[in-house]
Amino acid sequence: MSFLFHKRTKKIVNVIWGVVAVIVMIGMVAFFAPGIVNLI
């Protein structure tokens, strides 16, 4: 498990979490406000 604490891995994990967060936000906006998707 020590590989989880390497700086490079930590950066990769942060990037992955950022991508997941963006996908979730876009998904929630598309789900709750379909009109916004039609404007775009």
Protein backbone atom coordinates (compact mmCIF):
# COMPACT_ATOMS: atom_id res chain seq x y z
CA MET A 1 0.00 0.00 0.00
CA SER A 2 3.02 2.30 0.24
CA PHE A 3 2.65 3.22 -3.44
CA LEU A 4 -0.47 5.22 -2.50
CA PHE A 5 1.71 7.73 -0.66
CA HIS A 6 4.14 8.50 -3.48
CA LYS A 7 3.91 12.08 -4.73
CA ARG A 8 3.28 11.06 -8.34
CA THR A 9 0.48 8.67 -7.36
CA LYS A 10 -1.09 11.30 -5.11
CA LYS A 11 -1.14 13.74 -8.05
CA ILE A 12 -2.74 11.11 -10.31
CA VAL A 13 -5.37 10.35 -7.64
CA ASN A 14 -6.15 14.08 -7.33
CA VAL A 15 -6.57 14.36 -11.11
CA ILE A 16 -8.85 11.30 -11.16
CA TRP A 17 -10.97 12.73 -8.31
CA GLY A 18 -11.19 16.06 -10.16
CA VAL A 19 -12.39 14.32 -13.34
CA VAL A 20 -14.93 12.25 -11.37
CA ALA A 21 -16.21 15.39 -9.62
CA VAL A 22 -16.64 17.23 -12.95
CA ILE A 23 -18.46 14.26 -14.50
CA VAL A 24 -20.78 14.02 -11.48
CA MET A 25 -21.53 17.78 -11.59
CA ILE A 26 -22.27 17.69 -15.33
CA GLY A 27 -24.44 14.61 -14.80
CA MET A 28 -26.41 16.25 -11.99
CA VAL A 29 -26.92 19.47 -14.00
CA ALA A 30 -28.05 17.46 -17.05
CA PHE A 31 -30.36 15.35 -14.88
CA PHE A 32 -31.98 18.15 -12.88
CA ALA A 33 -32.01 20.88 -15.58
CA PRO A 34 -32.54 19.36 -19.04
CA GLY A 35 -33.30 22.82 -20.45
CA ILE A 36 -29.67 23.89 -19.95
CA VAL A 37 -28.49 21.02 -22.17
CA ASN A 38 -30.85 22.17 -24.93
CA LEU A 39 -29.41 25.72 -24.75
CA ILE A 40 -25.89 24.34 -25.21
